């Protein structure tokens, strides 16, 4: 099955802020971060049910090399990304987000 990936607006904002932050830390680190996030999303698309359920129907994928996690839900042929967040943040705050 081919899945469409849809970002919650806040997840997209979090992702962009992280890209900006890494870009200001070291040249090229923002591109490496984007590559790692993309790699994680591609793995989710290939086997969306592989990763553990964190709460309700939301699953968690840990990002390689960076201390980030992706929270997502599978609905039909869509993968809804609820959050792209630093692992030190409390994920409880994401429960109130709507699709």
PDB file of N, CA and C in Angstrom:
ATOM      1  N   UNK A   1       0.837  -1.181   0.000  1.00  0.00           N
ATOM      2  CA  UNK A   1       0.000   0.000   0.000  1.00  0.00           C
ATOM      3  C   UNK A   1       0.883   1.245   0.000  1.00  0.00           C
ATOM      4  N   UNK A   2       0.447   2.233  -0.723  1.00  0.00           N
ATOM      5  CA  UNK A   2       1.156   3.509  -0.759  1.00  0.00           C
ATOM      6  C   UNK A   2       0.425   4.479   0.170  1.00  0.00           C
ATOM      7  N   UNK A   3       1.169   5.032   1.113  1.00  0.00           N
ATOM      8  CA  UNK A   3       0.594   5.926   2.107  1.00  0.00           C
ATOM      9  C   UNK A   3       0.908   7.380   1.777  1.00  0.00           C
ATOM     10  N   UNK A   4      -0.068   8.241   2.009  1.00  0.00           N
ATOM     11  CA  UNK A   4       0.139   9.688   1.935  1.00  0.00           C
ATOM     12  C   UNK A   4       0.565  10.152   3.319  1.00  0.00           C
ATOM     13  N   UNK A   5       1.492  11.073   3.366  1.00  0.00           N
ATOM     14  CA  UNK A   5       1.936  11.625   4.646  1.00  0.00           C
ATOM     15  C   UNK A   5       1.377  13.033   4.781  1.00  0.00           C
ATOM     16  N   UNK A   6       0.686  13.256   5.907  1.00  0.00           N
ATOM     17  CA  UNK A   6       0.075  14.554   6.178  1.00  0.00           C
ATOM     18  C   UNK A   6       0.589  15.033   7.529  1.00  0.00           C
ATOM     19  N   UNK A   7       1.184  16.228   7.552  1.00  0.00           N
ATOM     20  CA  UNK A   7       1.698  16.815   8.787  1.00  0.00           C
ATOM     21  C   UNK A   7       0.626  17.666   9.449  1.00  0.00           C
ATOM     22  N   UNK A   8       0.466  17.506  10.748  1.00  0.00           N
ATOM     23  CA  UNK A   8      -0.320  18.456  11.527  1.00  0.00           C
ATOM     24  C   UNK A   8       0.419  19.793  11.403  1.00  0.00           C
ATOM     25  N   UNK A   9      -0.290  20.913  11.295  1.00  0.00           N
ATOM     26  CA  UNK A   9       0.400  22.214  11.151  1.00  0.00           C
ATOM     27  C   UNK A   9       1.442  22.470  12.240  1.00  0.00           C
ATOM     28  N   UNK A  10       1.158  22.077  13.466  1.00  0.00           N
ATOM     29  CA  UNK A  10       2.128  22.274  14.558  1.00  0.00           C
ATOM     30  C   UNK A  10       3.346  21.376  14.368  1.00  0.00           C
ATOM     31  N   UNK A  11       3.152  20.172  13.848  1.00  0.00           N
ATOM     32  CA  UNK A  11       4.278  19.271  13.596  1.00  0.00           C
ATOM     33  C   UNK A  11       5.177  19.854  12.516  1.00  0.00           C
ATOM     34  N   UNK A  12       4.559  20.427  11.498  1.00  0.00           N
ATOM     35  CA  UNK A  12       5.345  21.061  10.436  1.00  0.00           C
ATOM     36  C   UNK A  12       6.130  22.247  10.986  1.00  0.00           C
ATOM     37  N   UNK A  13       5.507  23.008  11.861  1.00  0.00           N
ATOM     38  CA  UNK A  13       6.175  24.150  12.494  1.00  0.00           C
ATOM     39  C   UNK A  13       7.356  23.681  13.362  1.00  0.00           C
ATOM     40  N   UNK A  14       7.143  22.628  14.137  1.00  0.00           N
ATOM     41  CA  UNK A  14       8.216  22.079  14.978  1.00  0.00           C
ATOM     42  C   UNK A  14       9.393  21.619  14.128  1.00  0.00           C
ATOM     43  N   UNK A  15       9.072  20.951  13.037  1.00  0.00           N
ATOM     44  CA  UNK A  15      10.103  20.461  12.131  1.00  0.00           C
ATOM     45  C   UNK A  15      10.918  21.625  11.561  1.00  0.00           C
ATOM     46  N   UNK A  16      10.243  22.644  11.086  1.00  0.00           N
ATOM     47  CA  UNK A  16      10.936  23.809  10.503  1.00  0.00           C
ATOM     48  C   UNK A  16      11.801  24.526  11.545  1.00  0.00           C
ATOM     49  N   UNK A  17      11.296  24.649  12.757  1.00  0.00           N
ATOM     50  CA  UNK A  17      12.081  25.286  13.823  1.00  0.00           C
ATOM     51  C   UNK A  17      13.342  24.483  14.126  1.00  0.00           C
ATOM     52  N   UNK A  18      13.216  23.164  14.140  1.00  0.00           N
ATOM     53  CA  UNK A  18      14.379  22.310  14.406  1.00  0.00           C
ATOM     54  C   UNK A  18      15.390  22.407  13.275  1.00  0.00           C
ATOM     55  N   UNK A  19      14.915  22.449  12.041  1.00  0.00           N
ATOM     56  CA  UNK A  19      15.821  22.612  10.891  1.00  0.00           C
ATOM     57  C   UNK A  19      16.579  23.921  11.028  1.00  0.00           C
ATOM     58  N   UNK A  20      15.870  24.992  11.362  1.00  0.00           N
ATOM     59  CA  UNK A  20      16.509  26.295  11.536  1.00  0.00           C
ATOM     60  C   UNK A  20      17.558  26.227  12.649  1.00  0.00           C
ATOM     61  N   UNK A  21      17.179  25.627  13.793  1.00  0.00           N
ATOM     62  CA  UNK A  21      18.089  25.559  14.934  1.00  0.00           C
ATOM     63  C   UNK A  21      19.357  24.796  14.569  1.00  0.00           C
ATOM     64  N   UNK A  22      19.231  23.627  13.955  1.00  0.00           N
ATOM     65  CA  UNK A  22      20.409  22.843  13.589  1.00  0.00           C
ATOM     66  C   UNK A  22      21.252  23.566  12.544  1.00  0.00           C
ATOM     67  N   UNK A  23      20.594  24.295  11.647  1.00  0.00           N
ATOM     68  CA  UNK A  23      21.333  25.065  10.647  1.00  0.00           C
ATOM     69  C   UNK A  23      22.180  26.153  11.265  1.00  0.00           C
ATOM     70  N   UNK A  24      21.768  26.659  12.416  1.00  0.00           N
ATOM     71  CA  UNK A  24      22.531  27.695  13.103  1.00  0.00           C
ATOM     72  C   UNK A  24      23.601  27.132  14.029  1.00  0.00           C
ATOM     73  N   UNK A  25      23.607  25.822  14.233  1.00  0.00           N
ATOM     74  CA  UNK A  25      24.606  25.204  15.107  1.00  0.00           C
ATOM     75  C   UNK A  25      25.872  24.841  14.358  1.00  0.00           C
ATOM     76  N   UNK A  26      25.699  24.326  13.146  1.00  0.00           N
ATOM     77  CA  UNK A  26      26.851  23.860  12.368  1.00  0.00           C
ATOM     78  C   UNK A  26      26.444  23.791  10.904  1.00  0.00           C
ATOM     79  N   UNK A  27      27.309  24.221  10.042  1.00  0.00           N
ATOM     80  CA  UNK A  27      27.011  24.198   8.616  1.00  0.00           C
ATOM     81  C   UNK A  27      26.715  22.769   8.156  1.00  0.00           C
ATOM     82  N   UNK A  28      25.591  22.623   7.484  1.00  0.00           N
ATOM     83  CA  UNK A  28      25.205  21.330   6.940  1.00  0.00           C
ATOM     84  C   UNK A  28      24.438  20.430   7.901  1.00  0.00           C
ATOM     85  N   UNK A  29      24.404  20.798   9.172  1.00  0.00           N
ATOM     86  CA  UNK A  29      23.709  19.952  10.143  1.00  0.00           C
ATOM     87  C   UNK A  29      22.201  19.965   9.905  1.00  0.00           C
ATOM     88  N   UNK A  30      21.688  21.085   9.406  1.00  0.00           N
ATOM     89  CA  UNK A  30      20.264  21.148   9.067  1.00  0.00           C
ATOM     90  C   UNK A  30      19.911  20.162   7.961  1.00  0.00           C
ATOM     91  N   UNK A  31      20.781  20.026   6.975  1.00  0.00           N
ATOM     92  CA  UNK A  31      20.537  19.084   5.886  1.00  0.00           C
ATOM     93  C   UNK A  31      20.598  17.644   6.378  1.00  0.00           C
ATOM     94  N   UNK A  32      21.496  17.372   7.300  1.00  0.00           N
ATOM     95  CA  UNK A  32      21.598  16.036   7.877  1.00  0.00           C
ATOM     96  C   UNK A  32      20.349  15.719   8.702  1.00  0.00           C
ATOM     97  N   UNK A  33      19.853  16.697   9.435  1.00  0.00           N
ATOM     98  CA  UNK A  33      18.631  16.519  10.206  1.00  0.00           C
ATOM     99  C   UNK A  33      17.452  16.209   9.276  1.00  0.00           C
ATOM    100  N   UNK A  34      17.311  16.980   8.210  1.00  0.00           N
ATOM    101  CA  UNK A  34      16.238  16.755   7.239  1.00  0.00           C
ATOM    102  C   UNK A  34      16.358  15.347   6.651  1.00  0.00           C
ATOM    103  N   UNK A  35      17.570  14.927   6.332  1.00  0.00           N
ATOM    104  CA  UNK A  35      17.790  13.591   5.774  1.00  0.00           C
ATOM    105  C   UNK A  35      17.347  12.515   6.758  1.00  0.00           C
ATOM    106  N   UNK A  36      17.682  12.688   8.020  1.00  0.00           N
ATOM    107  CA  UNK A  36      17.316  11.693   9.037  1.00  0.00           C
ATOM    108  C   UNK A  36      15.806  11.651   9.271  1.00  0.00           C
ATOM    109  N   UNK A  37      15.156  12.803   9.261  1.00  0.00           N
ATOM    110  CA  UNK A  37      13.701  12.846   9.396  1.00  0.00           C
ATOM    111  C   UNK A  37      13.055  12.170   8.193  1.00  0.00           C
ATOM    112  N   UNK A  38      13.557  12.477   7.006  1.00  0.00           N
ATOM    113  CA  UNK A  38      13.013  11.858   5.792  1.00  0.00           C
ATOM    114  C   UNK A  38      13.198  10.342   5.824  1.00  0.00           C
ATOM    115  N   UNK A  39      14.364   9.902   6.260  1.00  0.00           N
ATOM    116  CA  UNK A  39      14.626   8.464   6.373  1.00  0.00           C
ATOM    117  C   UNK A  39      13.632   7.812   7.337  1.00  0.00           C
ATOM    118  N   UNK A  40      13.363   8.453   8.451  1.00  0.00           N
ATOM    119  CA  UNK A  40      12.409   7.923   9.433  1.00  0.00           C
ATOM    120  C   UNK A  40      11.006   7.850   8.832  1.00  0.00           C
ATOM    121  N   UNK A  41      10.614   8.879   8.100  1.00  0.00           N
ATOM    122  CA  UNK A  41       9.282   8.893   7.490  1.00  0.00           C
ATOM    123  C   UNK A  41       9.173   7.806   6.419  1.00  0.00           C
ATOM    124  N   UNK A  42      10.241   7.610   5.647  1.00  0.00           N
ATOM    125  CA  UNK A  42      10.220   6.540   4.636  1.00  0.00           C
ATOM    126  C   UNK A  42      10.070   5.168   5.292  1.00  0.00           C
ATOM    127  N   UNK A  43      10.721   4.969   6.418  1.00  0.00           N
ATOM    128  CA  UNK A  43      10.585   3.699   7.159  1.00  0.00           C
ATOM    129  C   UNK A  43       9.165   3.541   7.683  1.00  0.00           C
ATOM    130  N   UNK A  44       8.576   4.616   8.167  1.00  0.00           N
ATOM    131  CA  UNK A  44       7.190   4.576   8.627  1.00  0.00           C
ATOM    132  C   UNK A  44       6.275   4.203   7.458  1.00  0.00           C
ATOM    133  N   UNK A  45       6.493   4.806   6.297  1.00  0.00           N
ATOM    134  CA  UNK A  45       5.658   4.526   5.135  1.00  0.00           C
ATOM    135  C   UNK A  45       5.762   3.064   4.694  1.00  0.00           C
ATOM    136  N   UNK A  46       6.960   2.480   4.801  1.00  0.00           N
ATOM    137  CA  UNK A  46       7.152   1.083   4.390  1.00  0.00           C
ATOM    138  C   UNK A  46       6.467   0.111   5.335  1.00  0.00           C
ATOM    139  N   UNK A  47       6.578   0.374   6.645  1.00  0.00           N
ATOM    140  CA  UNK A  47       6.014  -0.530   7.645  1.00  0.00           C
ATOM    141  C   UNK A  47       5.387   0.283   8.786  1.00  0.00           C
ATOM    142  N   UNK A  48       4.265   0.929   8.523  1.00  0.00           N
ATOM    143  CA  UNK A  48       3.695   1.835   9.534  1.00  0.00           C
ATOM    144  C   UNK A  48       3.280   1.150  10.832  1.00  0.00           C
ATOM    145  N   UNK A  49       2.918  -0.108  10.782  1.00  0.00           N
ATOM    146  CA  UNK A  49       2.481  -0.799  11.986  1.00  0.00           C
ATOM    147  C   UNK A  49       3.609  -1.363  12.822  1.00  0.00           C
ATOM    148  N   UNK A  50       4.840  -1.193  12.378  1.00  0.00           N
ATOM    149  CA  UNK A  50       6.002  -1.763  13.060  1.00  0.00           C
ATOM    150  C   UNK A  50       6.317  -1.075  14.388  1.00  0.00           C
ATOM    151  N   UNK A  51       6.067   0.203  14.468  1.00  0.00           N
ATOM    152  CA  UNK A  51       6.512   0.974  15.625  1.00  0.00           C
ATOM    153  C   UNK A  51       5.463   0.959  16.732  1.00  0.00           C
ATOM    154  N   UNK A  52       5.912   1.082  17.984  1.00  0.00           N
ATOM    155  CA  UNK A  52       5.000   0.889  19.123  1.00  0.00           C
ATOM    156  C   UNK A  52       3.958   1.996  19.268  1.00  0.00           C
ATOM    157  N   UNK A  53       2.802   1.592  19.774  1.00  0.00           N
ATOM    158  CA  UNK A  53       1.755   2.564  20.085  1.00  0.00           C
ATOM    159  C   UNK A  53       2.161   3.274  21.374  1.00  0.00           C
ATOM    160  N   UNK A  54       2.107   4.578  21.324  1.00  0.00           N
ATOM    161  CA  UNK A  54       2.494   5.407  22.464  1.00  0.00           C
ATOM    162  C   UNK A  54       1.268   5.772  23.295  1.00  0.00           C
ATOM    163  N   UNK A  55       0.193   6.181  22.635  1.00  0.00           N
ATOM    164  CA  UNK A  55      -1.089   6.447  23.285  1.00  0.00           C
ATOM    165  C   UNK A  55      -2.165   6.440  22.208  1.00  0.00           C
ATOM    166  N   UNK A  56      -3.392   6.102  22.634  1.00  0.00           N
ATOM    167  CA  UNK A  56      -4.523   5.980  21.718  1.00  0.00           C
ATOM    168  C   UNK A  56      -4.082   5.188  20.489  1.00  0.00           C
ATOM    169  N   UNK A  57      -4.195   5.766  19.297  1.00  0.00           N
ATOM    170  CA  UNK A  57      -3.750   5.083  18.070  1.00  0.00           C
ATOM    171  C   UNK A  57      -2.438   5.636  17.541  1.00  0.00           C
ATOM    172  N   UNK A  58      -1.769   6.455  18.333  1.00  0.00           N
ATOM    173  CA  UNK A  58      -0.546   7.111  17.873  1.00  0.00           C
ATOM    174  C   UNK A  58       0.686   6.263  18.160  1.00  0.00           C
ATOM    175  N   UNK A  59       1.497   6.126  17.140  1.00  0.00           N
ATOM    176  CA  UNK A  59       2.730   5.349  17.229  1.00  0.00           C
ATOM    177  C   UNK A  59       3.915   6.293  17.287  1.00  0.00           C
ATOM    178  N   UNK A  60       5.053   5.755  17.728  1.00  0.00           N
ATOM    179  CA  UNK A  60       6.261   6.572  17.898  1.00  0.00           C
ATOM    180  C   UNK A  60       7.411   5.952  17.115  1.00  0.00           C
ATOM    181  N   UNK A  61       8.103   6.793  16.339  1.00  0.00           N
ATOM    182  CA  UNK A  61       9.323   6.384  15.649  1.00  0.00           C
ATOM    183  C   UNK A  61      10.449   7.283  16.140  1.00  0.00           C
ATOM    184  N   UNK A  62      11.494   6.668  16.670  1.00  0.00           N
ATOM    185  CA  UNK A  62      12.668   7.418  17.118  1.00  0.00           C
ATOM    186  C   UNK A  62      13.537   7.704  15.897  1.00  0.00           C
ATOM    187  N   UNK A  63      14.027   8.926  15.811  1.00  0.00           N
ATOM    188  CA  UNK A  63      14.844   9.352  14.674  1.00  0.00           C
ATOM    189  C   UNK A  63      16.301   8.998  14.927  1.00  0.00           C
ATOM    190  N   UNK A  64      16.935   8.452  13.913  1.00  0.00           N
ATOM    191  CA  UNK A  64      18.347   8.083  13.988  1.00  0.00           C
ATOM    192  C   UNK A  64      19.211   9.346  14.110  1.00  0.00           C
ATOM    193  N   UNK A  65      20.208   9.276  14.968  1.00  0.00           N
ATOM    194  CA  UNK A  65      21.252  10.287  15.165  1.00  0.00           C
ATOM    195  C   UNK A  65      20.825  11.542  15.932  1.00  0.00           C
ATOM    196  N   UNK A  66      19.574  11.914  15.855  1.00  0.00           N
ATOM    197  CA  UNK A  66      19.096  13.121  16.525  1.00  0.00           C
ATOM    198  C   UNK A  66      18.110  12.736  17.627  1.00  0.00           C
ATOM    199  N   UNK A  67      18.060  13.518  18.702  1.00  0.00           N
ATOM    200  CA  UNK A  67      17.170  13.175  19.820  1.00  0.00           C
ATOM    201  C   UNK A  67      15.718  13.594  19.559  1.00  0.00           C
ATOM    202  N   UNK A  68      15.177  13.118  18.460  1.00  0.00           N
ATOM    203  CA  UNK A  68      13.819  13.469  18.057  1.00  0.00           C
ATOM    204  C   UNK A  68      12.975  12.220  17.878  1.00  0.00           C
ATOM    205  N   UNK A  69      11.663  12.427  18.030  1.00  0.00           N
ATOM    206  CA  UNK A  69      10.686  11.369  17.828  1.00  0.00           C
ATOM    207  C   UNK A  69       9.598  11.900  16.902  1.00  0.00           C
ATOM    208  N   UNK A  70       8.970  10.981  16.212  1.00  0.00           N
ATOM    209  CA  UNK A  70       7.836  11.309  15.354  1.00  0.00           C
ATOM    210  C   UNK A  70       6.632  10.544  15.893  1.00  0.00           C
ATOM    211  N   UNK A  71       5.569  11.262  16.220  1.00  0.00           N
ATOM    212  CA  UNK A  71       4.308  10.640  16.628  1.00  0.00           C
ATOM    213  C   UNK A  71       3.382  10.673  15.425  1.00  0.00           C
ATOM    214  N   UNK A  72       2.775   9.526  15.111  1.00  0.00           N
ATOM    215  CA  UNK A  72       1.925   9.457  13.935  1.00  0.00           C
ATOM    216  C   UNK A  72       0.775   8.488  14.149  1.00  0.00           C
ATOM    217  N   UNK A  73      -0.233   8.637  13.291  1.00  0.00           N
ATOM    218  CA  UNK A  73      -1.390   7.754  13.313  1.00  0.00           C
ATOM    219  C   UNK A  73      -1.653   7.278  11.891  1.00  0.00           C
ATOM    220  N   UNK A  74      -2.053   6.029  11.756  1.00  0.00           N
ATOM    221  CA  UNK A  74      -2.393   5.459  10.457  1.00  0.00           C
ATOM    222  C   UNK A  74      -3.915   5.480  10.335  1.00  0.00           C
ATOM    223  N   UNK A  75      -4.416   6.127   9.295  1.00  0.00           N
ATOM    224  CA  UNK A  75      -5.849   6.147   9.029  1.00  0.00           C
ATOM    225  C   UNK A  75      -6.030   5.876   7.539  1.00  0.00           C
ATOM    226  N   UNK A  76      -6.568   4.687   7.249  1.00  0.00           N
ATOM    227  CA  UNK A  76      -6.746   4.245   5.867  1.00  0.00           C
ATOM    228  C   UNK A  76      -5.403   4.278   5.150  1.00  0.00           C
ATOM    229  N   UNK A  77      -5.295   5.084   4.097  1.00  0.00           N
ATOM    230  CA  UNK A  77      -4.028   5.152   3.354  1.00  0.00           C
ATOM    231  C   UNK A  77      -3.246   6.430   3.677  1.00  0.00           C
ATOM    232  N   UNK A  78      -3.512   6.984   4.853  1.00  0.00           N
ATOM    233  CA  UNK A  78      -2.823   8.203   5.284  1.00  0.00           C
ATOM    234  C   UNK A  78      -2.023   7.959   6.560  1.00  0.00           C
ATOM    235  N   UNK A  79      -0.900   8.614   6.628  1.00  0.00           N
ATOM    236  CA  UNK A  79      -0.106   8.662   7.852  1.00  0.00           C
ATOM    237  C   UNK A  79      -0.148  10.120   8.311  1.00  0.00           C
ATOM    238  N   UNK A  80      -0.815  10.340   9.440  1.00  0.00           N
ATOM    239  CA  UNK A  80      -0.922  11.682   9.996  1.00  0.00           C
ATOM    240  C   UNK A  80       0.173  11.867  11.033  1.00  0.00           C
ATOM    241  N   UNK A  81       1.056  12.810  10.753  1.00  0.00           N
ATOM    242  CA  UNK A  81       2.138  13.099  11.696  1.00  0.00           C
ATOM    243  C   UNK A  81       1.643  14.155  12.667  1.00  0.00           C
ATOM    244  N   UNK A  82       1.508  13.737  13.910  1.00  0.00           N
ATOM    245  CA  UNK A  82       1.001  14.601  14.968  1.00  0.00           C
ATOM    246  C   UNK A  82       2.085  15.521  15.512  1.00  0.00           C
ATOM    247  N   UNK A  83       3.327  14.996  15.612  1.00  0.00           N
ATOM    248  CA  UNK A  83       4.409  15.786  16.205  1.00  0.00           C
ATOM    249  C   UNK A  83       5.766  15.290  15.720  1.00  0.00           C
ATOM    250  N   UNK A  84       6.686  16.236  15.601  1.00  0.00           N
ATOM    251  CA  UNK A  84       8.114  15.974  15.394  1.00  0.00           C
ATOM    252  C   UNK A  84       8.771  16.729  16.528  1.00  0.00           C
ATOM    253  N   UNK A  85       9.234  15.991  17.556  1.00  0.00           N
ATOM    254  CA  UNK A  85       9.620  16.695  18.768  1.00  0.00           C
ATOM    255  C   UNK A  85      10.892  16.135  19.398  1.00  0.00           C
ATOM    256  N   UNK A  86      11.554  17.014  20.134  1.00  0.00           N
ATOM    257  CA  UNK A  86      12.756  16.634  20.870  1.00  0.00           C
ATOM    258  C   UNK A  86      12.355  15.656  21.962  1.00  0.00           C
ATOM    259  N   UNK A  87      13.142  14.635  22.149  1.00  0.00           N
ATOM    260  CA  UNK A  87      12.789  13.559  23.086  1.00  0.00           C
ATOM    261  C   UNK A  87      12.714  14.008  24.546  1.00  0.00           C
ATOM    262  N   UNK A  88      13.246  15.164  24.862  1.00  0.00           N
ATOM    263  CA  UNK A  88      13.151  15.663  26.248  1.00  0.00           C
ATOM    264  C   UNK A  88      11.827  16.364  26.530  1.00  0.00           C
ATOM    265  N   UNK A  89      11.069  16.641  25.472  1.00  0.00           N
ATOM    266  CA  UNK A  89       9.768  17.285  25.681  1.00  0.00           C
ATOM    267  C   UNK A  89       8.755  16.260  26.149  1.00  0.00           C
ATOM    268  N   UNK A  90       7.802  16.702  26.911  1.00  0.00           N
ATOM    269  CA  UNK A  90       6.731  15.839  27.406  1.00  0.00           C
ATOM    270  C   UNK A  90       5.706  15.635  26.297  1.00  0.00           C
ATOM    271  N   UNK A  91       5.541  14.399  25.867  1.00  0.00           N
ATOM    272  CA  UNK A  91       4.633  14.124  24.766  1.00  0.00           C
ATOM    273  C   UNK A  91       3.158  14.241  25.153  1.00  0.00           C
ATOM    274  N   UNK A  92       2.870  14.374  26.432  1.00  0.00           N
ATOM    275  CA  UNK A  92       1.486  14.533  26.873  1.00  0.00           C
ATOM    276  C   UNK A  92       0.835  15.767  26.241  1.00  0.00           C
ATOM    277  N   UNK A  93       1.629  16.781  25.937  1.00  0.00           N
ATOM    278  CA  UNK A  93       1.081  18.002  25.372  1.00  0.00           C
ATOM    279  C   UNK A  93       0.511  17.806  23.976  1.00  0.00           C
ATOM    280  N   UNK A  94       0.862  16.707  23.313  1.00  0.00           N
ATOM    281  CA  UNK A  94       0.410  16.471  21.952  1.00  0.00           C
ATOM    282  C   UNK A  94      -0.954  15.791  21.883  1.00  0.00           C
ATOM    283  N   UNK A  95      -1.419  15.280  23.004  1.00  0.00           N
ATOM    284  CA  UNK A  95      -2.705  14.569  23.027  1.00  0.00           C
ATOM    285  C   UNK A  95      -3.872  15.452  22.619  1.00  0.00           C
ATOM    286  N   UNK A  96      -3.762  16.743  22.839  1.00  0.00           N
ATOM    287  CA  UNK A  96      -4.881  17.629  22.553  1.00  0.00           C
ATOM    288  C   UNK A  96      -4.904  18.133  21.100  1.00  0.00           C
ATOM    289  N   UNK A  97      -3.912  17.787  20.320  1.00  0.00           N
ATOM    290  CA  UNK A  97      -3.888  18.243  18.918  1.00  0.00           C
ATOM    291  C   UNK A  97      -4.930  17.497  18.086  1.00  0.00           C
ATOM    292  N   UNK A  98      -5.543  18.229  17.201  1.00  0.00           N
ATOM    293  CA  UNK A  98      -6.506  17.636  16.278  1.00  0.00           C
ATOM    294  C   UNK A  98      -5.832  17.394  14.942  1.00  0.00           C
ATOM    295  N   UNK A  99      -6.411  16.534  14.163  1.00  0.00           N
ATOM    296  CA  UNK A  99      -5.880  16.283  12.813  1.00  0.00           C
ATOM    297  C   UNK A  99      -6.206  17.427  11.902  1.00  0.00           C
TER     298      UNK A  99
END
